[in-house]
Protein backbone atom coordinates (compact mmCIF):
# COMPACT_ATOMS: atom_id res chain seq x y z
CA MET A 1 126.86 -4.33 -4.47
CA LEU A 2 124.04 -3.65 -2.01
CA THR A 3 121.14 -2.87 -4.32
CA HIS A 4 118.11 -4.15 -2.39
CA PRO A 5 115.77 -1.17 -1.62
CA ALA A 6 115.64 -2.11 2.10
CA ILE A 7 119.45 -1.82 2.39
CA LYS A 8 119.40 1.75 1.02
CA ASP A 9 116.43 2.87 3.08
CA GLY A 10 117.58 4.79 6.15
CA ARG A 11 114.11 4.21 7.70
CA PHE A 12 114.79 0.48 7.57
CA TRP A 13 117.99 0.82 9.57
CA LEU A 14 116.45 3.28 12.02
CA PHE A 15 113.40 0.94 12.61
CA SER A 16 115.70 -2.11 12.93
CA ALA A 17 118.09 -0.41 15.30
CA LEU A 18 115.24 0.64 17.68
CA ALA A 19 113.69 -2.80 17.49
CA VAL A 20 117.00 -4.30 18.60
CA LEU A 21 117.42 -1.68 21.28
CA CYS A 22 114.00 -2.77 22.67
CA LEU A 23 115.61 -6.11 23.46
CA PHE A 24 117.66 -4.48 26.22
CA PRO A 25 116.39 -3.27 29.66
CA ILE A 26 117.21 0.30 28.84
CA ILE A 27 113.94 0.48 26.92
CA SER A 28 110.77 -0.08 29.00
CA SER A 29 107.34 -1.15 27.64
CA PRO A 30 105.82 2.40 27.62
CA ILE A 31 109.00 3.87 25.96
CA ALA A 32 108.87 1.17 23.33
CA LEU A 33 105.28 2.06 22.54
CA ILE A 34 106.17 5.74 22.28
CA LEU A 35 109.09 5.16 20.03
CA GLY A 36 106.83 3.18 17.63
CA PHE A 37 104.23 5.89 17.71
CA LEU A 38 106.77 8.62 16.97
CA LEU A 39 108.09 6.76 13.97
CA ALA A 40 104.58 6.32 12.58
CA SER A 41 103.62 9.98 13.35
CA PHE A 42 106.74 11.31 11.49
CA GLY A 43 106.42 8.93 8.53
CA LEU A 44 109.60 7.08 9.38
CA LEU A 45 108.28 3.55 9.03
CA PRO A 46 109.99 1.41 6.41
CA LYS A 47 107.77 0.19 3.60
CA SER A 48 109.96 -2.92 3.19
CA ILE A 49 108.78 -4.42 6.56
CA ASN A 50 105.23 -5.77 6.99
CA ILE A 51 104.77 -4.65 10.51
CA ALA A 52 101.12 -5.64 10.56
CA ALA A 53 101.97 -9.29 9.82
CA LEU A 54 105.06 -9.39 11.97
CA THR A 55 103.45 -8.11 15.19
CA PRO A 56 100.91 -10.97 15.79
CA ALA A 57 103.52 -13.55 14.94
CA LEU A 58 106.15 -12.30 17.34
CA LEU A 59 103.50 -11.74 20.03
CA SER A 60 102.33 -15.31 19.79
CA ILE A 61 105.96 -16.64 20.00
CA SER A 62 106.68 -14.40 23.01
CA ILE A 63 103.55 -15.55 24.83
CA VAL A 64 104.45 -19.14 24.21
CA GLY A 65 107.92 -18.44 25.61
CA LEU A 66 106.39 -17.04 28.78
CA GLY A 67 104.65 -20.36 29.28
CA PHE A 68 107.98 -21.99 30.03
CA GLY A 69 108.30 -19.75 33.10
CA ILE A 70 104.82 -20.55 34.47
CA HIS A 71 104.43 -23.36 37.01
CA LEU A 72 101.58 -25.71 36.27
CA GLN A 73 100.20 -25.91 39.90
CA GLN A 74 100.32 -22.16 40.30
CA ALA A 75 98.59 -21.70 36.95
CA ILE A 76 95.79 -24.04 37.92
CA GLU A 77 95.43 -22.33 41.26
CA ILE A 78 95.33 -18.87 39.74
CA SER A 79 92.81 -19.98 37.10
CA GLN A 80 90.49 -21.52 39.73
CA GLN A 81 90.69 -18.48 41.96
CA SER A 82 90.01 -15.97 39.15
CA LEU A 83 87.24 -18.00 37.45
CA PRO A 84 84.31 -16.18 39.05
CA LEU A 85 85.81 -12.82 38.27
CA VAL A 86 86.65 -13.77 34.73
CA VAL A 87 83.15 -15.11 33.93
CA GLY A 88 81.38 -12.36 35.81
CA SER A 89 83.43 -9.53 34.06
CA ILE A 90 82.76 -11.02 30.61
CA VAL A 91 78.98 -11.27 31.13
CA PHE A 92 78.78 -7.79 32.83
CA THR A 93 80.79 -6.12 30.00
CA LEU A 94 78.84 -7.67 27.11
CA VAL A 95 75.44 -6.86 28.67
CA LEU A 96 76.51 -3.31 29.59
CA GLY A 97 77.93 -2.91 26.03
CA LEU A 98 74.52 -3.80 24.50
CA ILE A 99 72.73 -1.39 26.78
CA LEU A 100 75.18 1.55 26.09
CA THR A 101 75.12 0.83 22.38
CA LYS A 102 71.40 1.38 22.35
CA LEU A 103 71.62 4.44 24.51
CA LEU A 104 74.26 5.95 22.33
CA LYS A 105 72.35 5.00 19.18
CA LEU A 106 75.52 3.39 17.84
CA ASP A 107 75.63 0.74 15.05
CA GLN A 108 74.76 -2.56 16.77
CA LYS A 109 77.59 -4.63 15.36
CA THR A 110 80.23 -1.96 15.88
CA GLY A 111 79.12 -1.66 19.52
CA TYR A 112 79.07 -5.43 19.97
CA LEU A 113 82.60 -5.75 18.66
CA ILE A 114 83.80 -3.07 21.08
CA GLY A 115 82.03 -4.90 23.90
CA ALA A 116 83.53 -8.26 22.94
CA GLY A 117 87.02 -6.70 22.70
CA THR A 118 86.60 -5.07 26.08
CA ALA A 119 85.12 -8.18 27.64
CA ILE A 120 87.67 -10.79 26.52
CA CYS A 121 90.96 -9.92 24.83
CA GLY A 122 90.87 -6.96 22.61
CA GLY A 123 91.88 -7.36 18.91
CA SER A 124 91.84 -11.21 19.15
CA ALA A 125 88.23 -11.25 20.32
CA ILE A 126 87.14 -8.76 17.77
CA ALA A 127 88.88 -10.78 15.01
CA ALA A 128 87.21 -13.99 16.27
CA VAL A 129 83.63 -12.51 16.76
CA ALA A 130 83.63 -10.41 13.59
CA PRO A 131 82.92 -13.31 11.11
CA ALA A 132 80.51 -14.88 13.62
CA ILE A 133 78.26 -11.74 13.39
CA LYS A 134 78.99 -10.91 9.74
CA ALA A 135 80.63 -7.64 10.61
CA LYS A 136 81.79 -5.31 7.85
CA ALA A 137 85.47 -4.22 7.42
CA GLU A 138 84.52 -0.68 8.52
CA GLN A 139 82.87 -1.92 11.71
CA ILE A 140 85.91 -4.02 12.50
CA ALA A 141 88.33 -1.26 11.92
CA ILE A 142 86.47 1.19 14.11
CA ALA A 143 86.32 -1.34 16.97
CA LEU A 144 90.07 -2.14 16.58
CA ALA A 145 90.96 1.53 16.60
CA CYS A 146 89.11 2.15 19.79
CA VAL A 147 90.71 -0.84 21.56
CA PHE A 148 94.12 0.10 20.15
CA VAL A 149 94.02 3.57 21.65
CA LEU A 150 92.84 2.50 25.03
CA ASN A 151 95.42 -0.34 25.18
CA SER A 152 98.17 2.22 24.75
CA ILE A 153 96.77 4.45 27.58
CA ALA A 154 96.43 1.40 29.84
CA LEU A 155 100.11 0.59 29.51
CA PHE A 156 100.90 3.95 31.21
CA VAL A 157 97.94 4.41 33.53
CA PHE A 158 97.63 0.98 35.21
CA PRO A 159 101.04 0.72 36.79
CA LEU A 160 100.73 4.28 38.10
CA VAL A 161 97.34 3.47 39.68
CA GLY A 162 98.61 0.20 40.99
CA HIS A 163 101.59 1.80 42.80
CA TYR A 164 99.44 4.67 44.05
CA LEU A 165 96.92 2.23 45.60
CA GLU A 166 99.80 0.00 46.78
CA LEU A 167 98.26 -3.11 45.17
CA SER A 168 100.07 -6.33 45.76
CA GLN A 169 101.72 -8.11 42.79
CA TYR A 170 98.93 -10.73 42.77
CA ASP A 171 96.09 -8.10 42.86
CA PHE A 172 97.72 -6.00 40.13
CA GLY A 173 98.31 -9.04 37.90
CA LEU A 174 94.66 -10.06 38.28
CA TRP A 175 93.32 -6.53 37.82
CA SER A 176 95.38 -5.89 34.67
CA ALA A 177 94.26 -9.28 33.20
CA ILE A 178 90.60 -8.37 33.64
CA ALA A 179 90.65 -4.65 32.79
CA ILE A 180 93.13 -4.27 30.00
CA HIS A 181 92.11 -5.30 26.57
CA ASP A 182 94.93 -6.96 24.60
CA THR A 183 97.31 -9.55 25.90
CA SER A 184 100.33 -7.47 24.81
CA SER A 185 99.36 -4.45 26.92
CA VAL A 186 98.42 -6.80 29.84
CA VAL A 187 101.85 -8.37 29.77
CA GLY A 188 103.59 -5.04 29.27
CA ALA A 189 101.86 -3.46 32.25
CA ALA A 190 102.31 -6.43 34.46
CA SER A 191 105.99 -7.05 33.60
CA SER A 192 106.77 -3.46 34.67
CA TYR A 193 105.07 -4.18 37.98
CA GLY A 194 106.94 -7.41 38.82
CA ASP A 195 107.49 -11.10 38.01
CA GLN A 196 104.59 -12.34 40.14
CA ALA A 197 102.22 -9.86 38.60
CA LEU A 198 103.38 -11.03 35.17
CA GLU A 199 102.67 -14.66 35.99
CA VAL A 200 99.27 -13.89 37.43
CA ALA A 201 98.38 -11.60 34.59
CA THR A 202 99.46 -13.90 31.79
CA THR A 203 97.81 -16.96 33.22
CA THR A 204 94.54 -15.18 33.98
CA LYS A 205 94.48 -13.34 30.64
CA LEU A 206 94.91 -16.46 28.52
CA ALA A 207 92.37 -18.37 30.61
CA ARG A 208 90.01 -15.49 29.84
CA ALA A 209 90.92 -15.59 26.18
CA LEU A 210 89.60 -19.20 26.00
CA TRP A 211 86.14 -17.63 26.35
CA ILE A 212 86.48 -16.37 22.80
CA VAL A 213 85.07 -19.63 21.53
CA PRO A 214 81.75 -19.83 23.55
CA VAL A 215 81.19 -16.04 23.13
CA ALA A 216 81.75 -16.24 19.35
CA LEU A 217 79.40 -19.25 19.17
CA ILE A 218 76.63 -17.42 21.08
CA SER A 219 77.20 -14.36 18.93
CA SER A 220 76.89 -16.35 15.81
CA MET A 221 73.45 -17.73 16.93
CA ALA A 222 72.35 -14.29 17.96
CA PHE A 223 73.39 -12.50 14.71
CA GLY A 224 73.04 -15.42 12.26
CA GLY A 225 76.71 -15.39 11.30
CA ASN A 226 79.39 -17.90 10.45
CA SER A 227 80.09 -20.31 13.32
CA LYS A 228 82.40 -22.52 11.18
CA SER A 229 85.22 -19.88 11.27
CA ILE A 230 85.39 -19.91 15.05
CA ARG A 231 88.46 -21.58 16.55
CA ILE A 232 90.76 -21.31 19.65
CA PRO A 233 93.84 -19.20 18.79
CA GLY A 234 96.82 -21.48 18.30
CA PHE A 235 99.12 -19.55 20.58
CA ILE A 236 96.88 -20.33 23.58
CA LEU A 237 97.20 -24.06 22.96
CA ALA A 238 100.93 -23.65 22.54
CA TYR A 239 101.17 -21.68 25.75
CA ILE A 240 99.47 -24.47 27.57
CA ALA A 241 101.82 -27.00 25.94
CA ALA A 242 104.81 -24.95 27.13
CA ILE A 243 103.55 -25.07 30.70
CA LEU A 244 103.16 -28.83 30.53
CA ILE A 245 106.54 -29.37 28.98
CA SER A 246 108.34 -27.31 31.71
CA TYR A 247 106.31 -29.26 34.34
CA PHE A 248 107.11 -32.78 33.04
CA LEU A 249 110.69 -32.10 31.95
CA PRO A 250 112.02 -30.05 34.88
CA GLN A 251 115.65 -31.07 34.11
CA PHE A 252 115.77 -28.33 31.49
CA SER A 253 114.79 -25.57 33.91
CA SER A 254 117.88 -23.47 33.20
CA PHE A 255 116.94 -23.44 29.45
CA TYR A 256 113.34 -22.55 30.35
CA ASP A 257 114.59 -19.60 32.42
CA VAL A 258 116.49 -18.29 29.36
CA LEU A 259 113.45 -18.62 27.10
CA PHE A 260 111.28 -16.77 29.73
CA ALA A 261 113.74 -13.98 29.97
CA ILE A 262 114.03 -13.62 26.17
CA SER A 263 110.26 -13.65 25.81
CA LYS A 264 109.85 -10.80 28.25
CA ARG A 265 112.14 -8.67 26.09
CA THR A 266 110.60 -9.68 22.75
CA LEU A 267 107.28 -8.57 24.23
CA VAL A 268 108.82 -5.07 24.49
CA VAL A 269 109.59 -5.30 20.83
CA CYS A 270 106.03 -6.25 20.15
CA LEU A 271 104.85 -3.10 21.89
CA PHE A 272 107.28 -1.07 19.73
CA PHE A 273 105.60 -2.65 16.67
CA ILE A 274 102.12 -1.94 18.00
CA GLY A 275 103.05 1.66 18.69
CA ALA A 276 104.16 1.86 15.00
CA GLY A 277 100.57 0.96 14.12
CA ILE A 278 99.04 3.90 16.02
CA THR A 279 98.38 7.10 14.02
CA LEU A 280 96.40 10.18 14.63
CA ARG A 281 94.28 9.28 11.65
CA LYS A 282 93.18 6.01 13.21
CA MET A 283 92.26 7.87 16.33
CA ARG A 284 90.13 10.39 14.37
CA ASP A 285 88.60 7.66 12.22
CA ALA A 286 87.28 5.91 15.39
CA GLY A 287 84.83 8.76 15.80
CA ALA A 288 83.18 10.06 18.99
CA LYS A 289 80.45 7.62 19.73
CA PRO A 290 82.40 4.43 19.41
CA MET A 291 85.20 5.90 21.49
CA ILE A 292 82.74 7.06 24.12
CA LEU A 293 81.34 3.50 24.36
CA ALA A 294 84.82 2.04 24.58
CA VAL A 295 85.85 4.42 27.35
CA LEU A 296 82.63 3.88 29.30
CA LEU A 297 83.00 0.13 29.15
CA TRP A 298 86.70 0.33 30.01
CA ILE A 299 86.05 2.53 33.12
CA ALA A 300 83.18 0.28 34.16
CA ILE A 301 85.19 -2.95 34.03
CA ALA A 302 88.39 -1.34 35.48
CA VAL A 303 86.54 0.16 38.51
CA SER A 304 84.24 -2.81 39.23
CA SER A 305 86.98 -5.39 38.92
CA LEU A 306 89.27 -3.38 41.18
CA ALA A 307 86.58 -3.03 43.74
CA TYR A 308 85.92 -6.80 43.65
CA ILE A 309 89.61 -7.62 43.92
CA THR A 310 90.39 -5.33 46.83
CA MET A 311 87.19 -6.45 48.64
CA VAL A 312 87.91 -10.19 48.25
CA ASN A 313 91.62 -9.98 48.80
C-alpha cells in the first residue's frame, strides 16, 4: 500500500507535475517564476520537499551543464572585454551603497550586504560576505529578501527593455550579467533573449562572481570578521572545468549539446523553485529603507552599465 505522506499529499503531486512541465518549452522562465509564486501564495507547497535545499543544488548542476556549451576562446575573449566594466561596476556599487546606507540611516551591515549582493552576484555574495562581516541572521534575511524581490522583477523587465532599445544579443547578455543580481535570473533573462546573449551573460556573470573572494576578504578586514570561512563557490570551478573538458575533448560535442540543452530547461525549473520561495510576508519583512537602498543601487548600476555598454559598443 502507498502509505508515505508525500504519496497522499495532493500538493506534492501538483508541485511535481508543474516542475516536470517546466522542463518543456511551453513554460518560459517568467511563467515558471509566477507558477512558483502562486503556489507559495496559496499555501500549496508540499512540506515533504525541502525546496530551499533543492534549489541551490539544481542551480549549481544547471550552470555546470551550461559550461559544456561555452567555447573556451570565446569565454576568454568575453571575460577580457568585460573586465573593465565588471571591476568598475563592483567598485561603483559598493561605494555608492556605503554612501546611501549612511544617508538613509540604515543599519551598516544590512546596507553593506545589499550593496555586495547588488555588486557581485546576489544571494551567493551575501552568503559569502555575511560571515566575513559577522552579520546577524536578521540582517542576512533582510538583504536576501530585497535581492530576491528585485531578481524576480528583473526577469520580466530586462528582456522588455532590451527589445525596446533593440539591444544586440551581445550587449543584452553583458548588461544582464552586470545589472541583474543572481545568476539564476541572469541566465533566465538572457536565455529568453537568445543563445548568444545566454553565452555572454553566463560567462560574464561567473567571471564577476569570482570577485566574491577578494571582496569578502576586504570586507573581513574592514569589519573584523571571519576570513577563514571565505571560499570560491564550487560550481564556478566546476563550470570552468566543463568549458575545459568540452575544449580538449571535442569528439563528444553531440553529447555536450544535449547537456547544454537540458541545463537550459533545468534552469527554468530552478526559477520555479525560486518563485516558490517568494511570499508577500518576505516582501513586507524587508521593510522600506532596505528596499529603497536596494532599488536605488539597482537603478544606478542598471542605468550606468547600459550607458557604458551602448557608448562603447
